């Protein structure tokens, strides 16, 4: 599909004044550039990077714009689909379910966002969107571009759909592009500078009106309609120690757009907090504990969230429920050290009761007097909040190193799409296995998309 490429927006000079930092919207040092990414805090340094994504028909651009060119959304060939399971190299499923129950007709209308041509997991690459059956594939990033996913906004009444991505323009330069999936128009909405190359944090509200983003001094929300900025959360001091260092990053809107989930990172470890960005005064829900969970995912509604990840320790599956939003570990046995250590590493919601998740399993021989290498596997499970029980859906093992890639639920169905990263050489980078569709009720599986497609997000019909 061909489309016109336009650049739009007015120059934003908020961050171009030299001088001391002022929390929120005050002057920033010129060296910071327009806006910078926020990232995690390392153990030795407190480094925060800022990213901002601006959406909708209005945009605020730093560093100008105005160039026009014509581009087309590249179409991909339809990949070969396999009715039988096609596990990744060296991956051996622990069971052999029947293969005739899952059909591509079950995922009609569902789309998936994937990264291709990445150097290693989670890094910028070619960003593609297609239907789960592999048809209708289009590259969002332009020729020669690499980027990361920034979000999706749809207008059911107006019939418009817009995808957003962050383009890598240089070592510290980024720009945000909006792609109208109906007309094919690609528009640069913002350019900015980053402090760390591989971090960019922003989230678009479901209606496309608000952009929550992390910058050098904390979290802000930009109103696309009014052009106003609201400062929500401060980071800790730049010069800090183990008792004073903290930062905020990874804002994520709830399904209705009424709440934000934000990661709070400490000197070591971190946790997830819930923020009501529209409350006056601002309402925070946090346990302020570095124990975790480090990462979280909203339920299909605004009433719950799942979480996972602890600093240098095995992690169970955490669930928080409003209005208190205190995360509680549903599987405490996962955090017990032993011969088989489980690290929950992704979670997603099928509905308000069922959570699907991936767990990296490390097995050790503690009785041996000599060093025994780890035997790793990945488990895909479903947890039912009504019963408090988890159930194994699928296990993959056999590589030198293997770990969870993504577990994405097709909300409102019994289907998930998942993949692993497999490293036969033990070098620590790994390659993405071919994604699989799994029916959580009977365990049936179907290979979809292409080998090497790195799952990023799913978009419902």
Protein backbone atom coordinates (compact mmCIF):
# COMPACT_ATOMS: atom_id res chain seq x y z
CA UNK A 1 0.00 0.00 0.00
CA UNK A 2 1.44 3.36 -0.97
CA UNK A 3 1.01 6.41 1.16
CA UNK A 4 2.13 9.97 1.53
CA UNK A 5 4.90 10.69 4.07
CA UNK A 6 4.53 14.02 5.84
CA UNK A 7 6.30 15.61 8.77
CA UNK A 8 4.29 17.76 11.11
CA UNK A 9 4.37 19.58 14.39
CA UNK A 10 5.79 22.70 15.94
CA UNK A 11 9.16 23.15 17.54
CA UNK A 12 9.28 22.35 21.24
CA UNK A 13 11.95 24.44 22.97
CA UNK A 14 11.22 23.37 26.53
CA UNK A 15 14.45 21.42 26.84
CA UNK A 16 16.83 23.64 24.90
CA UNK A 17 17.70 26.22 27.58
CA UNK A 18 21.04 25.84 29.30
CA UNK A 19 21.04 25.96 33.07
CA UNK A 20 20.12 23.85 36.06
CA UNK A 21 17.50 21.15 35.97
CA UNK A 22 14.04 21.91 37.18
CA UNK A 23 11.77 18.95 37.91
CA UNK A 24 8.91 18.73 35.43
CA UNK A 25 9.02 21.40 32.76
CA UNK A 26 11.83 23.66 33.85
CA UNK A 27 15.06 24.21 31.89
CA UNK A 28 17.17 21.18 31.07
CA UNK A 29 20.87 21.26 30.14
CA UNK A 30 21.40 21.70 26.42
CA UNK A 31 23.42 18.50 26.36
CA UNK A 32 20.32 16.50 27.20
CA UNK A 33 18.77 17.46 23.88
CA UNK A 34 15.05 17.66 23.29
CA UNK A 35 13.80 14.73 25.29
CA UNK A 36 15.65 11.62 26.45
CA UNK A 37 14.77 8.02 27.24
CA UNK A 38 14.25 6.73 30.73
CA UNK A 39 15.66 3.36 31.53
CA UNK A 40 16.44 1.13 34.46
CA UNK A 41 18.93 1.98 37.18
CA UNK A 42 22.13 -0.05 37.25
CA UNK A 43 23.75 -1.22 40.47
CA UNK A 44 26.69 1.14 40.11
CA UNK A 45 25.15 4.17 38.48
CA UNK A 46 21.90 6.03 38.43
CA UNK A 47 21.27 6.59 34.77
CA UNK A 48 17.91 7.66 33.57
CA UNK A 49 16.94 8.10 29.98
CA UNK A 50 13.86 9.79 28.52
CA UNK A 51 11.53 8.95 25.64
CA UNK A 52 8.42 10.70 24.47
CA UNK A 53 5.90 9.57 21.95
CA UNK A 54 3.33 12.05 20.64
CA UNK A 55 0.22 10.76 18.91
CA UNK A 56 -2.88 11.83 17.05
CA UNK A 57 -3.29 14.54 14.52
CA UNK A 58 -1.28 17.08 16.51
CA UNK A 59 2.39 16.64 17.41
CA UNK A 60 5.16 18.56 19.10
CA UNK A 61 8.47 18.26 17.26
CA UNK A 62 11.91 19.05 18.60
CA UNK A 63 14.54 19.78 16.01
CA UNK A 64 12.22 20.83 13.24
CA UNK A 65 10.58 18.87 10.48
CA UNK A 66 8.90 19.91 7.31
CA UNK A 67 10.51 17.45 4.92
CA UNK A 68 8.13 15.53 2.70
CA UNK A 69 8.66 12.35 0.78
CA UNK A 70 6.63 9.48 -0.50
CA UNK A 71 6.93 6.02 1.02
CA UNK A 72 4.99 2.79 0.84
CA UNK A 73 4.26 0.26 3.53
CA UNK A 74 6.24 -2.76 2.42
CA UNK A 75 4.26 -5.95 2.03
CA UNK A 76 5.69 -9.28 3.07
CA UNK A 77 5.17 -12.61 1.35
CA UNK A 78 2.74 -14.93 3.05
CA UNK A 79 4.87 -17.34 5.12
CA UNK A 80 4.33 -21.04 4.90
CA UNK A 81 2.11 -22.22 7.74
CA UNK A 82 2.46 -25.61 9.30
CA UNK A 83 -0.47 -27.60 10.63
CA UNK A 84 1.88 -29.72 12.71
CA UNK A 85 4.07 -28.40 15.49
CA UNK A 86 7.42 -27.05 14.35
CA UNK A 87 9.50 -26.65 17.51
CA UNK A 88 12.68 -24.63 17.44
CA UNK A 89 16.07 -26.25 16.98
CA UNK A 90 16.91 -28.63 19.80
CA UNK A 91 13.55 -27.95 21.43
CA UNK A 92 11.81 -31.12 22.52
CA UNK A 93 8.22 -30.84 23.76
CA UNK A 94 7.48 -32.79 26.90
CA UNK A 95 4.24 -34.09 25.45
CA UNK A 96 2.78 -34.65 22.01
CA UNK A 97 -0.73 -33.20 21.81
CA UNK A 98 -2.96 -33.75 18.81
CA UNK A 99 -2.48 -31.21 16.06
CA UNK A 100 -5.85 -31.02 14.31
CA UNK A 101 -7.90 -28.98 16.80
CA UNK A 102 -6.30 -25.54 16.38
CA UNK A 103 -7.25 -23.83 13.13
CA UNK A 104 -6.21 -20.55 11.59
CA UNK A 105 -9.90 -19.74 11.35
CA UNK A 106 -9.82 -19.48 15.16
CA UNK A 107 -7.64 -16.36 14.92
CA UNK A 108 -9.41 -14.60 12.05
CA UNK A 109 -8.99 -10.83 12.43
CA UNK A 110 -6.25 -11.06 15.05
CA UNK A 111 -3.03 -9.24 14.21
CA UNK A 112 0.45 -9.52 15.60
CA UNK A 113 3.39 -7.11 15.77
CA UNK A 114 6.84 -8.65 15.35
CA UNK A 115 10.45 -7.54 15.15
CA UNK A 116 12.72 -8.93 12.46
CA UNK A 117 16.44 -8.65 11.75
CA UNK A 118 17.37 -7.90 15.37
CA UNK A 119 20.89 -8.43 16.67
CA UNK A 120 19.61 -9.91 19.91
CA UNK A 121 16.45 -10.10 21.97
CA UNK A 122 14.48 -6.89 22.45
CA UNK A 123 16.73 -4.72 20.31
CA UNK A 124 15.54 -2.43 17.49
CA UNK A 125 14.87 -4.10 14.18
CA UNK A 126 12.44 -4.14 11.29
CA UNK A 127 8.94 -3.75 12.73
CA UNK A 128 6.15 -5.66 10.96
CA UNK A 129 2.41 -6.09 11.46
CA UNK A 130 0.34 -8.88 9.95
CA UNK A 131 -2.57 -11.17 10.62
CA UNK A 132 -1.76 -14.17 12.76
CA UNK A 133 -2.25 -16.44 9.76
CA UNK A 134 0.67 -14.63 8.13
CA UNK A 135 -1.31 -12.75 5.52
CA UNK A 136 -1.48 -9.00 5.06
CA UNK A 137 2.04 -8.45 6.34
CA UNK A 138 3.34 -4.89 6.17
CA UNK A 139 6.58 -3.39 7.37
CA UNK A 140 6.00 -0.36 9.56
CA UNK A 141 9.59 0.83 9.55
CA UNK A 142 10.83 2.30 6.28
CA UNK A 143 13.58 0.96 4.04
CA UNK A 144 16.82 0.74 5.95
CA UNK A 145 15.17 1.75 9.23
CA UNK A 146 15.19 -0.06 12.56
CA UNK A 147 12.91 0.71 15.46
CA UNK A 148 10.85 -0.49 18.40
CA UNK A 149 7.12 -0.66 19.07
CA UNK A 150 5.47 2.41 20.58
CA UNK A 151 1.75 1.60 20.59
CA UNK A 152 -1.59 1.41 18.79
CA UNK A 153 -4.70 3.57 18.80
CA UNK A 154 -7.95 2.82 17.00
CA UNK A 155 -11.06 4.88 16.35
CA UNK A 156 -13.98 2.49 15.79
CA UNK A 157 -16.37 5.31 14.85
CA UNK A 158 -13.98 7.01 12.47
CA UNK A 159 -12.61 3.75 11.15
CA UNK A 160 -8.97 4.81 11.61
CA UNK A 161 -6.12 2.77 13.05
CA UNK A 162 -2.69 4.16 13.87
CA UNK A 163 0.46 2.28 14.80
CA UNK A 164 3.42 4.04 16.41
CA UNK A 165 7.10 3.18 16.45
CA UNK A 166 10.37 4.73 17.58
CA UNK A 167 12.96 4.97 14.81
CA UNK A 168 16.69 4.82 15.50
CA UNK A 169 18.26 7.78 13.70
CA UNK A 170 21.73 7.68 15.22
CA UNK A 171 23.68 6.70 18.29
CA UNK A 172 21.62 9.00 20.53
CA UNK A 173 18.95 10.27 18.13
CA UNK A 174 15.42 8.92 17.85
CA UNK A 175 12.22 9.93 16.11
CA UNK A 176 8.64 8.77 16.59
CA UNK A 177 6.57 7.88 13.55
CA UNK A 178 2.82 7.35 13.22
CA UNK A 179 1.53 4.99 10.55
CA UNK A 180 -2.11 5.28 9.48
CA UNK A 181 -2.96 1.66 8.72
CA UNK A 182 -5.95 2.70 6.62
CA UNK A 183 -4.43 5.30 4.32
CA UNK A 184 -0.80 4.27 4.56
CA UNK A 185 0.33 7.78 5.55
CA UNK A 186 3.49 7.72 7.65
CA UNK A 187 4.17 10.88 9.67
CA UNK A 188 7.09 11.90 11.83
CA UNK A 189 5.57 13.25 15.02
CA UNK A 190 8.64 13.85 17.18
CA UNK A 191 12.43 13.74 17.24
CA UNK A 192 14.49 13.52 20.42
CA UNK A 193 17.82 12.57 21.94
CA UNK A 194 18.45 9.63 24.25
CA UNK A 195 21.01 9.15 26.98
CA UNK A 196 21.23 5.39 26.54
CA UNK A 197 20.93 3.83 23.12
CA UNK A 198 18.58 0.94 23.83
CA UNK A 199 15.91 2.57 26.01
CA UNK A 200 12.73 4.38 24.95
CA UNK A 201 9.69 4.48 27.22
CA UNK A 202 6.27 5.80 26.20
CA UNK A 203 2.68 4.60 26.11
CA UNK A 204 -0.32 5.86 24.14
CA UNK A 205 -3.75 5.82 25.82
CA UNK A 206 -6.33 3.57 24.12
CA UNK A 207 -8.15 6.58 22.64
CA UNK A 208 -4.93 8.14 21.38
CA UNK A 209 -5.37 11.34 23.36
CA UNK A 210 -2.68 10.99 26.02
CA UNK A 211 0.97 9.98 25.90
CA UNK A 212 2.64 8.93 29.13
CA UNK A 213 6.41 9.00 28.84
CA UNK A 214 9.52 8.69 30.94
CA UNK A 215 12.17 11.37 30.85
CA UNK A 216 15.29 12.28 32.75
CA UNK A 217 13.42 13.64 35.78
CA UNK A 218 10.44 11.28 35.98
CA UNK A 219 7.09 10.61 34.30
CA UNK A 220 4.97 13.13 32.36
CA UNK A 221 1.67 12.92 30.47
CA UNK A 222 1.13 14.86 27.25
CA UNK A 223 -2.39 15.79 26.16
CA UNK A 224 -2.45 15.64 22.36
CA UNK A 225 -5.64 17.72 22.13
CA UNK A 226 -4.69 20.63 24.40
CA UNK A 227 -0.91 20.42 24.06
CA UNK A 228 -0.53 20.48 27.84
CA UNK A 229 2.04 18.55 29.83
CA UNK A 230 1.41 17.21 33.33
CA UNK A 231 4.33 16.14 35.51
CA UNK A 232 3.42 13.04 37.52
CA UNK A 233 6.43 11.47 39.19
CA UNK A 234 9.90 12.66 40.19
CA UNK A 235 13.01 10.54 40.00
CA UNK A 236 15.56 10.50 42.76
CA UNK A 237 18.66 12.67 42.82
CA UNK A 238 21.30 12.24 40.13
CA UNK A 239 24.02 11.93 42.76
CA UNK A 240 22.72 9.17 45.02
CA UNK A 241 23.54 6.05 46.96
CA UNK A 242 21.82 2.78 47.84
CA UNK A 243 19.43 4.55 50.16
CA UNK A 244 18.36 7.40 47.88
CA UNK A 245 18.51 6.15 44.27
CA UNK A 246 15.27 5.48 42.43
CA UNK A 247 13.74 6.17 39.02
CA UNK A 248 10.46 5.67 37.16
CA UNK A 249 10.03 4.12 33.72
CA UNK A 250 7.82 1.96 31.51
CA UNK A 251 4.44 3.71 31.93
CA UNK A 252 1.58 1.56 30.61
CA UNK A 253 -2.07 2.61 30.31
CA UNK A 254 -4.88 0.45 31.65
CA UNK A 255 -7.46 -0.88 29.14
CA UNK A 256 -9.82 2.05 29.75
CA UNK A 257 -7.07 4.66 29.86
CA UNK A 258 -7.96 5.70 33.42
CA UNK A 259 -4.84 4.38 35.23
CA UNK A 260 -1.12 3.98 34.65
CA UNK A 261 1.21 1.18 35.66
CA UNK A 262 4.79 2.40 36.20
CA UNK A 263 8.01 0.63 37.05
CA UNK A 264 9.91 2.05 40.02
CA UNK A 265 13.56 1.05 40.03
CA UNK A 266 15.83 1.24 43.06
CA UNK A 267 19.59 0.89 43.50
CA UNK A 268 18.98 -2.84 43.31
CA UNK A 269 15.64 -4.31 42.27
CA UNK A 270 12.36 -2.60 41.64
CA UNK A 271 8.59 -2.83 41.81
CA UNK A 272 5.40 -1.87 39.96
CA UNK A 273 3.14 0.94 41.08
CA UNK A 274 -0.30 2.10 39.94
CA UNK A 275 -0.98 5.79 39.36
CA UNK A 276 -4.22 7.69 38.76
CA UNK A 277 -2.83 10.42 36.48
CA UNK A 278 -6.04 12.46 36.51
CA UNK A 279 -6.53 12.63 40.29
CA UNK A 280 -5.91 15.90 42.10
CA UNK A 281 -3.94 15.41 44.24
CA UNK A 282 -2.13 12.61 42.44
CA UNK A 283 -3.04 9.15 43.75
CA UNK A 284 -0.24 6.59 44.12
CA UNK A 285 -0.59 2.91 45.00
CA UNK A 286 2.75 1.32 45.80
CA UNK A 287 4.41 -1.01 48.25
CA UNK A 288 7.70 0.87 47.76
CA UNK A 289 9.58 -2.41 48.02
CA UNK A 290 12.59 -3.34 45.86
CA UNK A 291 11.55 -6.99 46.08
CA UNK A 292 9.17 -6.80 43.11
CA UNK A 293 7.38 -7.53 40.94
CA UNK A 294 9.64 -5.72 38.53
CA UNK A 295 7.35 -5.92 35.48
CA UNK A 296 3.55 -6.05 35.27
CA UNK A 297 0.71 -6.44 32.76
CA UNK A 298 -2.84 -5.11 32.97
CA UNK A 299 -5.79 -7.48 33.03
CA UNK A 300 -8.52 -7.30 30.40
CA UNK A 301 -10.08 -4.60 32.58
CA UNK A 302 -8.85 -1.96 35.02
CA UNK A 303 -9.45 -4.12 38.08
CA UNK A 304 -6.32 -6.28 38.24
CA UNK A 305 -2.75 -6.76 37.02
CA UNK A 306 -0.25 -9.61 36.96
CA UNK A 307 3.44 -9.15 37.67
CA UNK A 308 6.74 -10.99 37.75
CA UNK A 309 10.47 -10.46 38.21
CA UNK A 310 12.64 -10.03 41.31
CA UNK A 311 16.19 -8.83 41.65
CA UNK A 312 18.62 -11.74 41.16
CA UNK A 313 16.09 -14.22 42.57
CA UNK A 314 13.50 -16.72 41.33
CA UNK A 315 10.10 -15.15 40.84
CA UNK A 316 6.56 -16.35 41.40
CA UNK A 317 3.45 -14.99 39.70
CA UNK A 318 2.10 -11.84 41.36
CA UNK A 319 -1.43 -10.43 41.14
CA UNK A 320 -2.67 -7.04 42.36
CA UNK A 321 -6.33 -6.03 42.61
CA UNK A 322 -7.75 -2.51 42.88
CA UNK A 323 -8.32 -0.33 44.71
CA UNK A 324 -5.44 -1.30 46.99
CA UNK A 325 -3.07 -2.58 44.27
CA UNK A 326 -0.79 -4.51 46.59
CA UNK A 327 0.91 -7.30 44.62
CA UNK A 328 0.67 -10.74 46.22
CA UNK A 329 2.63 -13.80 45.15
CA UNK A 330 0.22 -16.51 43.98
CA UNK A 331 2.94 -19.16 43.66
CA UNK A 332 5.35 -18.70 46.60
CA UNK A 333 6.86 -22.13 46.04
CA UNK A 334 8.45 -20.76 42.85
CA UNK A 335 10.72 -18.57 44.96
CA UNK A 336 12.17 -21.41 46.99
CA UNK A 337 15.75 -22.28 46.09
CA UNK A 338 16.24 -25.91 45.20
CA UNK A 339 17.07 -28.39 42.48
CA UNK A 340 14.53 -26.80 40.11
CA UNK A 341 14.30 -23.02 40.29
CA UNK A 342 11.46 -21.28 38.46
CA UNK A 343 11.59 -17.70 37.26
CA UNK A 344 8.29 -16.35 35.94
CA UNK A 345 9.30 -14.14 33.04
CA UNK A 346 6.11 -13.04 31.26
CA UNK A 347 2.36 -13.00 31.91
CA UNK A 348 -0.82 -12.12 30.05
CA UNK A 349 -4.58 -12.31 30.70
CA UNK A 350 -7.09 -14.47 28.83
CA UNK A 351 -9.92 -13.02 30.91
CA UNK A 352 -10.42 -11.59 34.39
CA UNK A 353 -9.72 -14.99 36.02
CA UNK A 354 -7.13 -16.78 33.88
CA UNK A 355 -3.51 -15.69 33.59
CA UNK A 356 -1.10 -17.39 31.20
CA UNK A 357 2.59 -17.12 31.95
CA UNK A 358 6.02 -18.39 31.04
CA UNK A 359 8.56 -19.74 33.52
CA UNK A 360 12.27 -20.32 32.98
CA UNK A 361 13.30 -23.47 34.83
CA UNK A 362 16.90 -24.03 35.98
CA UNK A 363 17.86 -27.47 37.29
CA UNK A 364 20.97 -28.18 39.37
CA UNK A 365 22.54 -31.30 40.86
CA UNK A 366 23.25 -30.21 44.42
CA UNK A 367 24.42 -33.69 45.46
CA UNK A 368 27.31 -33.84 43.02
CA UNK A 369 30.82 -32.92 44.23
CA UNK A 370 31.69 -31.60 40.79
CA UNK A 371 30.20 -28.75 38.80
CA UNK A 372 27.14 -29.81 36.84
CA UNK A 373 25.90 -27.43 34.13
CA UNK A 374 22.35 -26.18 34.35
CA UNK A 375 19.67 -28.04 32.47
CA UNK A 376 17.25 -25.35 31.36
CA UNK A 377 13.71 -25.56 30.05
CA UNK A 378 10.76 -23.26 29.52
CA UNK A 379 7.27 -23.97 30.80
CA UNK A 380 4.08 -22.32 29.56
CA UNK A 381 1.31 -22.46 32.16
CA UNK A 382 -2.13 -21.10 32.96
CA UNK A 383 -3.13 -19.91 36.44
CA UNK A 384 -6.78 -19.77 37.49
CA UNK A 385 -7.49 -17.20 40.20
CA UNK A 386 -10.74 -18.98 41.12
CA UNK A 387 -8.95 -22.17 42.16
CA UNK A 388 -5.50 -20.79 42.95
CA UNK A 389 -3.94 -23.53 40.83
CA UNK A 390 -1.59 -23.49 37.85
CA UNK A 391 -1.63 -26.02 35.01
CA UNK A 392 1.21 -26.89 32.65
CA UNK A 393 0.38 -26.38 28.97
CA UNK A 394 3.70 -26.99 27.27
CA UNK A 395 7.39 -27.50 28.06
CA UNK A 396 10.36 -26.97 25.75
CA UNK A 397 13.85 -28.19 26.58
CA UNK A 398 17.04 -29.52 25.04
CA UNK A 399 19.11 -26.45 24.13
CA UNK A 400 22.26 -25.27 25.87
CA UNK A 401 20.29 -22.22 26.95
CA UNK A 402 16.59 -21.56 26.50
CA UNK A 403 14.30 -18.95 27.99
CA UNK A 404 10.85 -17.45 27.60
CA UNK A 405 10.35 -15.01 24.75
CA UNK A 406 6.73 -13.88 24.88
CA UNK A 407 3.42 -15.24 26.14
CA UNK A 408 0.58 -13.20 24.63
CA UNK A 409 -3.06 -14.02 25.33
CA UNK A 410 -5.76 -13.49 22.74
CA UNK A 411 -8.08 -11.94 25.30
CA UNK A 412 -11.59 -13.35 25.41
CA UNK A 413 -10.53 -16.64 23.77
CA UNK A 414 -8.82 -19.85 24.89
CA UNK A 415 -5.79 -19.16 22.69
CA UNK A 416 -2.33 -17.76 23.29
CA UNK A 417 0.66 -17.16 21.03
CA UNK A 418 4.09 -17.80 22.49
CA UNK A 419 7.75 -18.43 21.64
CA UNK A 420 11.10 -19.10 23.24
CA UNK A 421 14.65 -17.93 22.66
CA UNK A 422 17.06 -20.78 21.99
CA UNK A 423 20.85 -20.62 22.22
CA UNK A 424 22.53 -23.84 21.14
CA UNK A 425 25.98 -22.27 21.29
CA UNK A 426 25.64 -20.99 24.85
CA UNK A 427 26.77 -17.50 23.82
CA UNK A 428 23.90 -15.82 25.68
CA UNK A 429 22.19 -14.08 22.74
CA UNK A 430 19.80 -16.70 21.35
CA UNK A 431 17.45 -16.71 18.39
CA UNK A 432 13.67 -16.51 18.42
CA UNK A 433 11.90 -19.80 17.84
CA UNK A 434 8.97 -19.97 15.46
CA UNK A 435 5.88 -18.67 17.31
CA UNK A 436 3.20 -21.17 18.25
CA UNK A 437 -0.52 -20.85 18.83
CA UNK A 438 -1.67 -22.88 21.86
CA UNK A 439 -5.19 -23.81 22.96
CA UNK A 440 -5.12 -23.59 26.76
CA UNK A 441 -8.05 -25.98 27.14
CA UNK A 442 -6.53 -28.99 25.42
CA UNK A 443 -2.87 -28.06 24.77
CA UNK A 444 -3.13 -28.32 20.98
CA UNK A 445 -0.49 -26.27 19.16
CA UNK A 446 0.00 -24.74 15.74
CA UNK A 447 3.14 -23.12 14.34
CA UNK A 448 2.46 -19.65 12.90
CA UNK A 449 4.33 -16.77 11.28
CA UNK A 450 8.00 -17.24 10.41
CA UNK A 451 11.07 -18.53 12.25
CA UNK A 452 12.91 -15.57 13.74
CA UNK A 453 9.83 -13.36 14.11
CA UNK A 454 10.15 -11.83 17.57
CA UNK A 455 6.70 -11.37 19.13
CA UNK A 456 5.95 -7.88 20.41
CA UNK A 457 2.18 -7.40 20.72
CA UNK A 458 -1.21 -8.72 19.60
CA UNK A 459 -4.08 -6.56 18.40
CA UNK A 460 -7.64 -7.87 18.56
CA UNK A 461 -10.19 -7.78 15.71
